[in-house]
Amino acid sequence: MKISLITYHFSTNNGVVMQAYATCRILKNLGHNVEIINLHHKDLQNKSIMFKFFERIIREIYMRKFQKYFLPPLTKKYYSLKELQNDPPKSDCYLVGSDQVWNPNICNNSLLAFFLDFGNSEIRRVSYASSFGVKEWPITDININLHLSKLLNSFFAVSVREEEGRFICNKNFGIEPTVVLDPTLLHSDYNEITGEINSNQEIVCYKLNKTKDFFENISVVSRELKLPIRLLNSWRPIRGFKYNFPPSTKVWIKRIAGASFVVTDSFHGLAFSLIYQKQFVVILNEDGKNSRLENVLNKLDLNDRLFTSVKAMSDNLSWKNRIDYEIIGPKLQLLKQSSLNFLQNALHQND
């Protein structure tokens, strides 16, 4: 089957790129031919490259190299939904997912493209692990919501990444989607990218939002574990910390995979900590956008790894208790099998 995937495939954010890679590899392993719909999404690119000029250029070089070696072919470039509707890719299936592809605050003018509002109605449409990135659906326009409902009800199968997504679909669009794993957790073999993994006696901190509280309290972790801390996403040296300037996707994964301990507030930081069976803690974001972190940890009975702040973590040393992956591993495997079953049925049922 030829599958045309629409997702966020070009970004300076490692997690965004890795979810695209994982989705494509999963589909390829299932025996499908995959291409990525090359929608030029200006809004996403502007938000994901808010760096100084030099930093942005380095990140883009890394991402273009990654795209060249590890992502499947792209369609011709589309600059608008209208162009996509006028000349859609010829395919057996259109698939959307994952990440925040249904977040209207990110998609903006491209929203309908991510709801697959293009192409022949006979082409199979599937959503895998699509995320809204919000707890409540923000669009109140009745006509828009009716149109989105019509589009979603034309899908052969719909899955979302979070329980909140299921609630939004049910309440606003009248459908009951399946909740599945993020593709980075479903696909667990990243040797093609990383090569050999070396163990490093260090704490890796991949924290997107570093507050004053972070710098005042993170040293507690270092003292308790008697290990140095490496800041994985710092663009300048900070006294008392190791750092990478700047981490490529390969280095980013290898640092997490080789760490003795991981501190993160990132979903994909959590995902790769689980994949490589790391000891870790998750610091909740102050903006309240934590549902995807909470969902995964709740399903694995790892809620004790969640902390509201680094200060809370420094006051409660329960995180020093080791995660037993002989218990966690089988739970994650069951979730992976369920997610894979959904995808296989969505692509092959009624063939």
C-alpha atoms as a PDB file:
ATOM      1  CA  MET A   1       0.000   0.000   0.000  1.00  0.00           C
ATOM      2  CA  LYS A   2       1.220   3.492  -0.792  1.00  0.00           C
ATOM      3  CA  ILE A   3       0.735   5.820   2.177  1.00  0.00           C
ATOM      4  CA  SER A   4       1.003   9.605   2.089  1.00  0.00           C
ATOM      5  CA  LEU A   5       1.765  10.914   5.572  1.00  0.00           C
ATOM      6  CA  ILE A   6       1.066  14.451   6.663  1.00  0.00           C
ATOM      7  CA  THR A   7       2.856  15.469   9.835  1.00  0.00           C
ATOM      8  CA  TYR A   8       5.387  17.971  11.129  1.00  0.00           C
ATOM      9  CA  HIS A   9       8.486  16.664   9.382  1.00  0.00           C
ATOM     10  CA  PHE A  10      10.852  19.629   9.287  1.00  0.00           C
ATOM     11  CA  SER A  11      11.561  21.340  12.567  1.00  0.00           C
ATOM     12  CA  THR A  12      14.495  22.350  14.715  1.00  0.00           C
ATOM     13  CA  ASN A  13      12.887  20.411  17.564  1.00  0.00           C
ATOM     14  CA  ASN A  14      14.365  16.910  17.899  1.00  0.00           C
ATOM     15  CA  GLY A  15      11.166  15.408  19.281  1.00  0.00           C
ATOM     16  CA  VAL A  16       9.141  16.623  16.305  1.00  0.00           C
ATOM     17  CA  VAL A  17      11.586  15.113  13.823  1.00  0.00           C
ATOM     18  CA  MET A  18      11.792  11.828  15.715  1.00  0.00           C
ATOM     19  CA  GLN A  19       8.013  11.293  15.746  1.00  0.00           C
ATOM     20  CA  ALA A  20       8.025  11.716  11.951  1.00  0.00           C
ATOM     21  CA  TYR A  21      10.924   9.274  11.617  1.00  0.00           C
ATOM     22  CA  ALA A  22       9.295   6.713  13.920  1.00  0.00           C
ATOM     23  CA  THR A  23       5.941   6.856  12.118  1.00  0.00           C
ATOM     24  CA  CYS A  24       7.615   6.285   8.755  1.00  0.00           C
ATOM     25  CA  ARG A  25       9.740   3.406  10.043  1.00  0.00           C
ATOM     26  CA  ILE A  26       6.722   1.680  11.600  1.00  0.00           C
ATOM     27  CA  LEU A  27       4.800   1.911   8.326  1.00  0.00           C
ATOM     28  CA  LYS A  28       7.795   0.689   6.353  1.00  0.00           C
ATOM     29  CA  ASN A  29       8.241  -2.274   8.720  1.00  0.00           C
ATOM     30  CA  LEU A  30       4.598  -3.160   8.086  1.00  0.00           C
ATOM     31  CA  GLY A  31       5.439  -3.431   4.390  1.00  0.00           C
ATOM     32  CA  HIS A  32       4.129  -0.113   3.064  1.00  0.00           C
ATOM     33  CA  ASN A  33       5.614   2.481   0.742  1.00  0.00           C
ATOM     34  CA  VAL A  34       5.640   5.841   2.497  1.00  0.00           C
ATOM     35  CA  GLU A  35       5.997   9.405   1.337  1.00  0.00           C
ATOM     36  CA  ILE A  36       5.675  12.603   3.350  1.00  0.00           C
ATOM     37  CA  ILE A  37       3.338  15.312   2.141  1.00  0.00           C
ATOM     38  CA  ASN A  38       5.632  18.316   1.909  1.00  0.00           C
ATOM     39  CA  LEU A  39       3.306  21.033   3.156  1.00  0.00           C
ATOM     40  CA  HIS A  40       5.186  24.270   3.711  1.00  0.00           C
ATOM     41  CA  HIS A  41       3.742  25.255   7.041  1.00  0.00           C
ATOM     42  CA  LYS A  42       4.944  28.793   7.681  1.00  0.00           C
ATOM     43  CA  ASP A  43       3.271  29.142  11.078  1.00  0.00           C
ATOM     44  CA  LEU A  44       4.962  26.024  12.479  1.00  0.00           C
ATOM     45  CA  GLN A  45       8.346  26.957  11.070  1.00  0.00           C
ATOM     46  CA  ASN A  46       8.230  30.433  12.537  1.00  0.00           C
ATOM     47  CA  LYS A  47       7.387  29.075  15.975  1.00  0.00           C
ATOM     48  CA  SER A  48       9.995  26.340  15.890  1.00  0.00           C
ATOM     49  CA  ILE A  49      12.918  28.508  14.730  1.00  0.00           C
ATOM     50  CA  MET A  50      12.730  31.329  17.222  1.00  0.00           C
ATOM     51  CA  PHE A  51      16.465  31.273  17.774  1.00  0.00           C
ATOM     52  CA  LYS A  52      19.229  33.696  17.013  1.00  0.00           C
ATOM     53  CA  PHE A  53      20.307  33.564  13.383  1.00  0.00           C
ATOM     54  CA  PHE A  54      23.493  31.534  13.941  1.00  0.00           C
ATOM     55  CA  GLU A  55      21.754  28.994  16.157  1.00  0.00           C
ATOM     56  CA  ARG A  56      18.923  28.590  13.647  1.00  0.00           C
ATOM     57  CA  ILE A  57      21.333  27.971  10.784  1.00  0.00           C
ATOM     58  CA  ILE A  58      23.161  25.200  12.679  1.00  0.00           C
ATOM     59  CA  ARG A  59      19.902  23.519  13.666  1.00  0.00           C
ATOM     60  CA  GLU A  60      18.636  23.640  10.092  1.00  0.00           C
ATOM     61  CA  ILE A  61      21.849  22.087   8.785  1.00  0.00           C
ATOM     62  CA  TYR A  62      21.433  19.197  11.214  1.00  0.00           C
ATOM     63  CA  MET A  63      17.775  18.728  10.308  1.00  0.00           C
ATOM     64  CA  ARG A  64      18.328  18.814   6.556  1.00  0.00           C
ATOM     65  CA  LYS A  65      21.046  16.185   6.918  1.00  0.00           C
ATOM     66  CA  PHE A  66      18.731  14.043   9.047  1.00  0.00           C
ATOM     67  CA  GLN A  67      15.930  14.436   6.527  1.00  0.00           C
ATOM     68  CA  LYS A  68      18.229  13.391   3.692  1.00  0.00           C
ATOM     69  CA  TYR A  69      19.415  10.172   5.336  1.00  0.00           C
ATOM     70  CA  PHE A  70      16.548   9.052   7.527  1.00  0.00           C
ATOM     71  CA  LEU A  71      13.206  10.262   6.191  1.00  0.00           C
ATOM     72  CA  PRO A  72      11.366   8.852   3.147  1.00  0.00           C
ATOM     73  CA  PRO A  73      10.824  10.816  -0.069  1.00  0.00           C
ATOM     74  CA  LEU A  74       8.789  14.008   0.031  1.00  0.00           C
ATOM     75  CA  THR A  75       6.020  14.950  -2.359  1.00  0.00           C
ATOM     76  CA  LYS A  76       6.297  18.148  -4.302  1.00  0.00           C
ATOM     77  CA  LYS A  77       6.139  21.205  -2.073  1.00  0.00           C
ATOM     78  CA  TYR A  78       2.697  22.583  -1.315  1.00  0.00           C
ATOM     79  CA  TYR A  79       2.418  26.163  -0.109  1.00  0.00           C
ATOM     80  CA  SER A  80      -1.264  26.163   0.829  1.00  0.00           C
ATOM     81  CA  LEU A  81      -4.288  23.973   1.431  1.00  0.00           C
ATOM     82  CA  LYS A  82      -5.659  25.143  -1.917  1.00  0.00           C
ATOM     83  CA  GLU A  83      -2.617  23.814  -3.761  1.00  0.00           C
ATOM     84  CA  LEU A  84      -2.949  20.506  -1.927  1.00  0.00           C
ATOM     85  CA  GLN A  85      -6.626  20.257  -2.829  1.00  0.00           C
ATOM     86  CA  ASN A  86      -6.000  21.128  -6.491  1.00  0.00           C
ATOM     87  CA  ASP A  87      -3.247  18.539  -6.963  1.00  0.00           C
ATOM     88  CA  PRO A  88      -3.277  16.000  -4.080  1.00  0.00           C
ATOM     89  CA  PRO A  89      -0.725  13.169  -4.002  1.00  0.00           C
ATOM     90  CA  LYS A  90      -1.856   9.916  -5.589  1.00  0.00           C
ATOM     91  CA  SER A  91      -2.025   7.352  -2.834  1.00  0.00           C
ATOM     92  CA  ASP A  92      -3.904   4.390  -1.381  1.00  0.00           C
ATOM     93  CA  CYS A  93      -4.088   5.943   2.061  1.00  0.00           C
ATOM     94  CA  TYR A  94      -3.722   9.367   3.648  1.00  0.00           C
ATOM     95  CA  LEU A  95      -2.434   9.193   7.203  1.00  0.00           C
ATOM     96  CA  VAL A  96      -2.149  12.040   9.708  1.00  0.00           C
ATOM     97  CA  GLY A  97      -0.183  11.967  12.963  1.00  0.00           C
ATOM     98  CA  SER A  98       1.264  12.313  15.444  1.00  0.00           C
ATOM     99  CA  ASP A  99       2.353  15.210  17.647  1.00  0.00           C
ATOM    100  CA  GLN A 100       0.107  18.291  17.873  1.00  0.00           C
ATOM    101  CA  VAL A 101      -1.193  18.037  14.316  1.00  0.00           C
ATOM    102  CA  TRP A 102      -4.705  18.999  15.450  1.00  0.00           C
ATOM    103  CA  ASN A 103      -3.710  21.947  17.604  1.00  0.00           C
ATOM    104  CA  PRO A 104      -5.351  24.982  15.954  1.00  0.00           C
ATOM    105  CA  ASN A 105      -2.934  27.284  17.751  1.00  0.00           C
ATOM    106  CA  ILE A 106      -0.093  25.664  15.807  1.00  0.00           C
ATOM    107  CA  CYS A 107      -1.784  24.651  12.541  1.00  0.00           C
ATOM    108  CA  ASN A 108      -3.636  27.913  12.007  1.00  0.00           C
ATOM    109  CA  ASN A 109      -4.338  28.174   8.258  1.00  0.00           C
ATOM    110  CA  SER A 110      -3.200  24.594   7.675  1.00  0.00           C
ATOM    111  CA  LEU A 111      -5.692  23.036  10.083  1.00  0.00           C
ATOM    112  CA  LEU A 112      -7.946  21.551   7.407  1.00  0.00           C
ATOM    113  CA  ALA A 113      -4.961  19.955   5.689  1.00  0.00           C
ATOM    114  CA  PHE A 114      -4.225  18.015   8.876  1.00  0.00           C
ATOM    115  CA  PHE A 115      -7.851  16.902   8.964  1.00  0.00           C
ATOM    116  CA  LEU A 116      -7.207  15.485   5.463  1.00  0.00           C
ATOM    117  CA  ASP A 117      -9.545  17.859   3.631  1.00  0.00           C
ATOM    118  CA  PHE A 118      -8.088  17.002   0.235  1.00  0.00           C
ATOM    119  CA  GLY A 119      -8.013  14.160  -2.279  1.00  0.00           C
ATOM    120  CA  ASN A 120     -10.573  11.671  -3.542  1.00  0.00           C
ATOM    121  CA  SER A 121     -13.165  10.645  -0.968  1.00  0.00           C
ATOM    122  CA  GLU A 122     -12.543   6.977  -1.840  1.00  0.00           C
ATOM    123  CA  ILE A 123      -8.975   7.107  -0.499  1.00  0.00           C
ATOM    124  CA  ARG A 124      -8.621   5.558   2.953  1.00  0.00           C
ATOM    125  CA  ARG A 125      -8.021   8.099   5.705  1.00  0.00           C
ATOM    126  CA  VAL A 126      -6.399   7.199   9.032  1.00  0.00           C
ATOM    127  CA  SER A 127      -5.245   9.127  12.077  1.00  0.00           C
ATOM    128  CA  TYR A 128      -2.454   7.683  14.187  1.00  0.00           C
ATOM    129  CA  ALA A 129      -1.771   9.236  17.626  1.00  0.00           C
ATOM    130  CA  SER A 130      -2.902  12.685  16.572  1.00  0.00           C
ATOM    131  CA  SER A 131      -2.792  15.218  19.383  1.00  0.00           C
ATOM    132  CA  PHE A 132      -4.788  18.391  19.998  1.00  0.00           C
ATOM    133  CA  GLY A 133      -2.265  19.747  22.492  1.00  0.00           C
ATOM    134  CA  VAL A 134      -5.120  21.332  24.476  1.00  0.00           C
ATOM    135  CA  LYS A 135      -7.587  20.108  27.089  1.00  0.00           C
ATOM    136  CA  GLU A 136     -10.562  21.998  25.643  1.00  0.00           C
ATOM    137  CA  TRP A 137     -11.339  22.559  21.975  1.00  0.00           C
ATOM    138  CA  PRO A 138     -10.861  26.311  21.402  1.00  0.00           C
ATOM    139  CA  ILE A 139     -12.832  26.753  18.151  1.00  0.00           C
ATOM    140  CA  THR A 140     -16.423  27.851  18.757  1.00  0.00           C
ATOM    141  CA  ASP A 141     -17.474  28.503  15.159  1.00  0.00           C
ATOM    142  CA  ILE A 142     -20.337  26.044  14.541  1.00  0.00           C
ATOM    143  CA  ASN A 143     -19.767  25.788  10.784  1.00  0.00           C
ATOM    144  CA  ILE A 144     -16.071  24.998  11.186  1.00  0.00           C
ATOM    145  CA  ASN A 145     -16.774  22.349  13.807  1.00  0.00           C
ATOM    146  CA  LEU A 146     -19.493  20.771  11.672  1.00  0.00           C
ATOM    147  CA  HIS A 147     -17.061  20.591   8.770  1.00  0.00           C
ATOM    148  CA  LEU A 148     -14.351  19.038  10.947  1.00  0.00           C
ATOM    149  CA  SER A 149     -16.883  16.534  12.281  1.00  0.00           C
ATOM    150  CA  LYS A 150     -17.829  15.572   8.735  1.00  0.00           C
ATOM    151  CA  LEU A 151     -14.157  15.114   7.841  1.00  0.00           C
ATOM    152  CA  LEU A 152     -13.380  12.967  10.891  1.00  0.00           C
ATOM    153  CA  ASN A 153     -16.443  10.812  10.353  1.00  0.00           C
ATOM    154  CA  SER A 154     -15.152  10.030   6.857  1.00  0.00           C
ATOM    155  CA  PHE A 155     -11.958   8.503   8.317  1.00  0.00           C
ATOM    156  CA  PHE A 156     -11.623   4.739   8.217  1.00  0.00           C
ATOM    157  CA  ALA A 157     -10.007   4.782  11.671  1.00  0.00           C
ATOM    158  CA  VAL A 158      -9.156   7.507  14.185  1.00  0.00           C
ATOM    159  CA  SER A 159      -6.707   7.334  17.056  1.00  0.00           C
ATOM    160  CA  VAL A 160      -5.358  10.029  19.348  1.00  0.00           C
ATOM    161  CA  ARG A 161      -2.404  10.227  21.712  1.00  0.00           C
ATOM    162  CA  GLU A 162      -4.094  11.455  24.895  1.00  0.00           C
ATOM    163  CA  GLU A 163      -7.280  10.833  26.833  1.00  0.00           C
ATOM    164  CA  GLU A 164      -8.065  14.539  26.438  1.00  0.00           C
ATOM    165  CA  GLY A 165      -8.066  14.002  22.688  1.00  0.00           C
ATOM    166  CA  ARG A 166     -10.656  11.270  23.021  1.00  0.00           C
ATOM    167  CA  PHE A 167     -12.795  13.605  25.115  1.00  0.00           C
ATOM    168  CA  ILE A 168     -12.521  16.413  22.535  1.00  0.00           C
ATOM    169  CA  CYS A 169     -13.424  14.091  19.649  1.00  0.00           C
ATOM    170  CA  ASN A 170     -16.411  12.681  21.496  1.00  0.00           C
ATOM    171  CA  LYS A 171     -17.749  16.003  22.745  1.00  0.00           C
ATOM    172  CA  ASN A 172     -17.144  18.165  19.677  1.00  0.00           C
ATOM    173  CA  PHE A 173     -17.126  15.809  16.698  1.00  0.00           C
ATOM    174  CA  GLY A 174     -19.265  12.854  17.731  1.00  0.00           C
ATOM    175  CA  ILE A 175     -16.642  10.132  17.319  1.00  0.00           C
ATOM    176  CA  GLU A 176     -14.965   7.727  19.738  1.00  0.00           C
ATOM    177  CA  PRO A 177     -11.275   7.402  18.839  1.00  0.00           C
ATOM    178  CA  THR A 178      -8.768   4.886  20.175  1.00  0.00           C
ATOM    179  CA  VAL A 179      -5.965   6.123  22.439  1.00  0.00           C
ATOM    180  CA  VAL A 180      -2.575   4.826  21.281  1.00  0.00           C
ATOM    181  CA  LEU A 181       1.104   5.331  22.008  1.00  0.00           C
ATOM    182  CA  ASP A 182       3.214   8.041  20.456  1.00  0.00           C
ATOM    183  CA  PRO A 183       5.108   6.504  17.506  1.00  0.00           C
ATOM    184  CA  THR A 184       8.475   7.116  19.179  1.00  0.00           C
ATOM    185  CA  LEU A 185       7.433   4.607  21.855  1.00  0.00           C
ATOM    186  CA  LEU A 186       5.910   2.188  19.351  1.00  0.00           C
ATOM    187  CA  HIS A 187       9.131   2.067  17.332  1.00  0.00           C
ATOM    188  CA  SER A 188      11.968   1.261  19.714  1.00  0.00           C
ATOM    189  CA  ASP A 189      15.009   0.520  17.512  1.00  0.00           C
ATOM    190  CA  TYR A 190      17.047   3.646  16.842  1.00  0.00           C
ATOM    191  CA  ASN A 191      20.428   2.011  16.183  1.00  0.00           C
ATOM    192  CA  GLU A 192      20.277   3.188  12.584  1.00  0.00           C
ATOM    193  CA  ILE A 193      20.616   6.748  13.891  1.00  0.00           C
ATOM    194  CA  THR A 194      22.732   6.344  17.023  1.00  0.00           C
ATOM    195  CA  GLY A 195      25.161   3.562  16.309  1.00  0.00           C
ATOM    196  CA  GLU A 196      26.852   2.219  19.440  1.00  0.00           C
ATOM    197  CA  ILE A 197      25.661   3.659  22.764  1.00  0.00           C
ATOM    198  CA  ASN A 198      28.278   4.433  25.408  1.00  0.00           C
ATOM    199  CA  SER A 199      27.384   4.700  29.091  1.00  0.00           C
ATOM    200  CA  ASN A 200      28.253   8.014  30.723  1.00  0.00           C
ATOM    201  CA  GLN A 201      28.411   8.627  34.441  1.00  0.00           C
ATOM    202  CA  GLU A 202      26.339  11.795  34.342  1.00  0.00           C
ATOM    203  CA  ILE A 203      22.883  13.238  34.837  1.00  0.00           C
ATOM    204  CA  VAL A 204      21.362  14.454  31.582  1.00  0.00           C
ATOM    205  CA  CYS A 205      18.937  17.325  31.928  1.00  0.00           C
ATOM    206  CA  TYR A 206      16.690  17.971  28.942  1.00  0.00           C
ATOM    207  CA  LYS A 207      14.447  20.713  30.242  1.00  0.00           C
ATOM    208  CA  LEU A 208      12.792  23.018  27.745  1.00  0.00           C
ATOM    209  CA  ASN A 209      11.680  25.591  30.319  1.00  0.00           C
ATOM    210  CA  LYS A 210      14.494  26.435  32.708  1.00  0.00           C
ATOM    211  CA  THR A 211      13.311  28.750  35.493  1.00  0.00           C
ATOM    212  CA  LYS A 212      15.130  30.353  38.410  1.00  0.00           C
ATOM    213  CA  ASP A 213      13.839  27.460  40.536  1.00  0.00           C
ATOM    214  CA  PHE A 214      15.633  25.048  38.243  1.00  0.00           C
ATOM    215  CA  PHE A 215      19.086  26.547  38.645  1.00  0.00           C
ATOM    216  CA  GLU A 216      18.627  27.056  42.386  1.00  0.00           C
ATOM    217  CA  ASN A 217      17.645  23.448  43.120  1.00  0.00           C
ATOM    218  CA  ILE A 218      18.949  21.117  40.417  1.00  0.00           C
ATOM    219  CA  SER A 219      22.312  20.815  42.168  1.00  0.00           C
ATOM    220  CA  VAL A 220      20.546  18.698  44.818  1.00  0.00           C
ATOM    221  CA  VAL A 221      20.246  15.892  42.269  1.00  0.00           C
ATOM    222  CA  SER A 222      23.940  16.126  41.512  1.00  0.00           C
ATOM    223  CA  ARG A 223      24.877  15.980  45.198  1.00  0.00           C
ATOM    224  CA  GLU A 224      22.561  13.060  45.951  1.00  0.00           C
ATOM    225  CA  LEU A 225      23.735  10.965  43.013  1.00  0.00           C
ATOM    226  CA  LYS A 226      27.333  12.222  43.145  1.00  0.00           C
ATOM    227  CA  LEU A 227      27.292  12.800  39.388  1.00  0.00           C
ATOM    228  CA  PRO A 228      27.811  15.871  37.173  1.00  0.00           C
ATOM    229  CA  ILE A 229      24.886  17.404  35.271  1.00  0.00           C
ATOM    230  CA  ARG A 230      24.862  17.876  31.508  1.00  0.00           C
ATOM    231  CA  LEU A 231      22.446  20.427  30.054  1.00  0.00           C
ATOM    232  CA  LEU A 232      21.306  18.911  26.787  1.00  0.00           C
ATOM    233  CA  ASN A 233      19.661  21.971  25.255  1.00  0.00           C
ATOM    234  CA  SER A 234      21.774  24.871  26.472  1.00  0.00           C
ATOM    235  CA  TRP A 235      23.202  27.145  23.798  1.00  0.00           C
ATOM    236  CA  ARG A 236      25.906  28.575  26.026  1.00  0.00           C
ATOM    237  CA  PRO A 237      28.148  27.253  28.802  1.00  0.00           C
ATOM    238  CA  ILE A 238      26.801  27.712  32.318  1.00  0.00           C
ATOM    239  CA  ARG A 239      29.119  27.444  35.286  1.00  0.00           C
ATOM    240  CA  GLY A 240      28.809  24.137  37.069  1.00  0.00           C
ATOM    241  CA  PHE A 241      27.202  22.237  34.170  1.00  0.00           C
ATOM    242  CA  LYS A 242      28.384  20.223  31.202  1.00  0.00           C
ATOM    243  CA  TYR A 243      26.733  21.133  27.929  1.00  0.00           C
ATOM    244  CA  ASN A 244      26.492  20.302  24.224  1.00  0.00           C
ATOM    245  CA  PHE A 245      26.646  22.997  21.580  1.00  0.00           C
ATOM    246  CA  PRO A 246      24.426  22.317  19.782  1.00  0.00           C
ATOM    247  CA  PRO A 247      23.157  18.738  20.011  1.00  0.00           C
ATOM    248  CA  SER A 248      22.294  17.030  16.734  1.00  0.00           C
ATOM    249  CA  THR A 249      19.440  14.521  16.817  1.00  0.00           C
ATOM    250  CA  LYS A 250      21.985  11.698  16.972  1.00  0.00           C
ATOM    251  CA  VAL A 251      23.832  13.239  19.921  1.00  0.00           C
ATOM    252  CA  TRP A 252      20.547  14.140  21.623  1.00  0.00           C
ATOM    253  CA  ILE A 253      19.400  10.490  21.636  1.00  0.00           C
ATOM    254  CA  LYS A 254      22.834   9.111  22.553  1.00  0.00           C
ATOM    255  CA  ARG A 255      23.170  11.419  25.545  1.00  0.00           C
ATOM    256  CA  ILE A 256      19.811  10.292  26.942  1.00  0.00           C
ATOM    257  CA  ALA A 257      20.534   6.643  26.116  1.00  0.00           C
ATOM    258  CA  GLY A 258      23.934   6.753  27.817  1.00  0.00           C
ATOM    259  CA  ALA A 259      22.934   8.742  30.896  1.00  0.00           C
ATOM    260  CA  SER A 260      22.881   7.413  34.432  1.00  0.00           C
ATOM    261  CA  PHE A 261      19.860   9.580  35.236  1.00  0.00           C
ATOM    262  CA  VAL A 262      17.559  11.899  33.237  1.00  0.00           C
ATOM    263  CA  VAL A 263      15.680  15.016  34.320  1.00  0.00           C
ATOM    264  CA  THR A 264      13.176  16.300  31.755  1.00  0.00           C
ATOM    265  CA  ASP A 265       9.963  18.217  31.165  1.00  0.00           C
ATOM    266  CA  SER A 266       9.759  17.035  27.557  1.00  0.00           C
ATOM    267  CA  PHE A 267       7.455  14.293  26.308  1.00  0.00           C
ATOM    268  CA  HIS A 268      10.085  12.914  23.964  1.00  0.00           C
ATOM    269  CA  GLY A 269      12.708  13.231  26.693  1.00  0.00           C
ATOM    270  CA  LEU A 270      10.430  10.930  28.708  1.00  0.00           C
ATOM    271  CA  ALA A 271       9.828   8.638  25.716  1.00  0.00           C
ATOM    272  CA  PHE A 272      13.519   7.996  25.099  1.00  0.00           C
ATOM    273  CA  SER A 273      14.161   7.575  28.819  1.00  0.00           C
ATOM    274  CA  LEU A 274      11.602   4.752  28.757  1.00  0.00           C
ATOM    275  CA  ILE A 275      12.966   3.253  25.544  1.00  0.00           C
ATOM    276  CA  TYR A 276      16.490   3.056  26.969  1.00  0.00           C
ATOM    277  CA  GLN A 277      15.230   2.086  30.435  1.00  0.00           C
ATOM    278  CA  LYS A 278      16.723   5.053  32.243  1.00  0.00           C
ATOM    279  CA  GLN A 279      16.207   6.176  35.803  1.00  0.00           C
ATOM    280  CA  PHE A 280      14.425   9.519  35.445  1.00  0.00           C
ATOM    281  CA  VAL A 281      12.141  12.204  36.811  1.00  0.00           C
ATOM    282  CA  VAL A 282       9.657  14.413  34.977  1.00  0.00           C
ATOM    283  CA  ILE A 283       9.169  18.038  35.975  1.00  0.00           C
ATOM    284  CA  LEU A 284       5.723  19.367  35.100  1.00  0.00           C
ATOM    285  CA  ASN A 285       5.491  22.489  32.958  1.00  0.00           C
ATOM    286  CA  GLU A 286       4.142  25.640  34.553  1.00  0.00           C
ATOM    287  CA  ASP A 287       1.900  26.308  31.533  1.00  0.00           C
ATOM    288  CA  GLY A 288      -0.247  23.295  32.484  1.00  0.00           C
ATOM    289  CA  LYS A 289       0.341  21.452  29.192  1.00  0.00           C
ATOM    290  CA  ASN A 290       1.266  18.186  30.852  1.00  0.00           C
ATOM    291  CA  SER A 291      -1.448  15.766  29.772  1.00  0.00           C
ATOM    292  CA  ARG A 292       0.736  13.767  27.401  1.00  0.00           C
ATOM    293  CA  LEU A 293       3.350  13.286  30.140  1.00  0.00           C
ATOM    294  CA  GLU A 294       0.747  12.369  32.738  1.00  0.00           C
ATOM    295  CA  ASN A 295      -1.063   9.968  30.374  1.00  0.00           C
ATOM    296  CA  VAL A 296       1.984   7.793  29.728  1.00  0.00           C
ATOM    297  CA  LEU A 297       3.212   7.768  33.318  1.00  0.00           C
ATOM    298  CA  ASN A 298      -0.260   6.937  34.609  1.00  0.00           C
ATOM    299  CA  LYS A 299      -0.581   3.950  32.272  1.00  0.00           C
ATOM    300  CA  LEU A 300       2.783   2.635  33.446  1.00  0.00           C
ATOM    301  CA  ASP A 301       2.055   3.300  37.145  1.00  0.00           C
ATOM    302  CA  LEU A 302       4.970   5.735  37.296  1.00  0.00           C
ATOM    303  CA  ASN A 303       3.184   8.745  38.744  1.00  0.00           C
ATOM    304  CA  ASP A 304       5.772   8.886  41.514  1.00  0.00           C
ATOM    305  CA  ARG A 305       8.274  10.137  38.915  1.00  0.00           C
ATOM    306  CA  LEU A 306       6.248  13.345  38.426  1.00  0.00           C
ATOM    307  CA  PHE A 307       7.178  16.513  40.292  1.00  0.00           C
ATOM    308  CA  THR A 308       5.636  19.958  40.114  1.00  0.00           C
ATOM    309  CA  SER A 309       9.038  21.672  40.257  1.00  0.00           C
ATOM    310  CA  VAL A 310      12.719  21.001  40.814  1.00  0.00           C
ATOM    311  CA  LYS A 311      12.238  22.455  44.309  1.00  0.00           C
ATOM    312  CA  ALA A 312       9.572  19.798  45.035  1.00  0.00           C
ATOM    313  CA  MET A 313      11.987  17.176  43.779  1.00  0.00           C
ATOM    314  CA  SER A 314      14.783  18.455  46.025  1.00  0.00           C
ATOM    315  CA  ASP A 315      12.419  18.330  49.022  1.00  0.00           C
ATOM    316  CA  ASN A 316      11.236  14.776  48.313  1.00  0.00           C
ATOM    317  CA  LEU A 317      13.957  12.243  47.568  1.00  0.00           C
ATOM    318  CA  SER A 318      11.564   9.422  46.661  1.00  0.00           C
ATOM    319  CA  TRP A 319      12.935   9.656  43.111  1.00  0.00           C
ATOM    320  CA  LYS A 320      16.065   7.899  44.362  1.00  0.00           C
ATOM    321  CA  ASN A 321      14.040   4.669  44.466  1.00  0.00           C
ATOM    322  CA  ARG A 322      14.924   2.796  41.306  1.00  0.00           C
ATOM    323  CA  ILE A 323      12.436   2.146  38.510  1.00  0.00           C
ATOM    324  CA  ASP A 324      12.049  -1.605  38.070  1.00  0.00           C
ATOM    325  CA  TYR A 325      11.928  -2.190  34.320  1.00  0.00           C
ATOM    326  CA  GLU A 326      11.178  -5.873  34.826  1.00  0.00           C
ATOM    327  CA  ILE A 327       7.759  -4.603  35.950  1.00  0.00           C
ATOM    328  CA  ILE A 328       7.473  -1.599  33.619  1.00  0.00           C
ATOM    329  CA  GLY A 329       8.693  -3.399  30.491  1.00  0.00           C
ATOM    330  CA  PRO A 330       5.743  -5.809  30.143  1.00  0.00           C
ATOM    331  CA  LYS A 331       3.250  -2.977  30.745  1.00  0.00           C
ATOM    332  CA  LEU A 332       4.822  -0.927  27.973  1.00  0.00           C
ATOM    333  CA  GLN A 333       4.895  -3.961  25.693  1.00  0.00           C
ATOM    334  CA  LEU A 334       1.126  -4.455  26.124  1.00  0.00           C
ATOM    335  CA  LEU A 335       0.517  -0.816  25.159  1.00  0.00           C
ATOM    336  CA  LYS A 336       2.777  -1.213  22.138  1.00  0.00           C
ATOM    337  CA  GLN A 337       0.977  -4.332  20.966  1.00  0.00           C
ATOM    338  CA  SER A 338      -2.418  -2.679  21.346  1.00  0.00           C
ATOM    339  CA  SER A 339      -1.244   0.363  19.367  1.00  0.00           C
ATOM    340  CA  LEU A 340       0.270  -1.803  16.656  1.00  0.00           C
ATOM    341  CA  ASN A 341      -2.943  -3.817  16.399  1.00  0.00           C
ATOM    342  CA  PHE A 342      -4.892  -0.604  15.855  1.00  0.00           C
ATOM    343  CA  LEU A 343      -2.557   0.514  13.080  1.00  0.00           C
ATOM    344  CA  GLN A 344      -2.550  -2.860  11.330  1.00  0.00           C
ATOM    345  CA  ASN A 345      -6.350  -3.043  11.409  1.00  0.00           C
ATOM    346  CA  ALA A 346      -6.681   0.549  10.238  1.00  0.00           C
ATOM    347  CA  LEU A 347      -4.477  -0.122   7.215  1.00  0.00           C
ATOM    348  CA  HIS A 348      -5.472  -3.677   6.289  1.00  0.00           C
ATOM    349  CA  GLN A 349      -9.036  -4.294   7.418  1.00  0.00           C
ATOM    350  CA  ASN A 350     -11.461  -4.841   4.523  1.00  0.00           C
ATOM    351  CA  ASP A 351      -8.629  -4.963   1.982  1.00  0.00           C
END
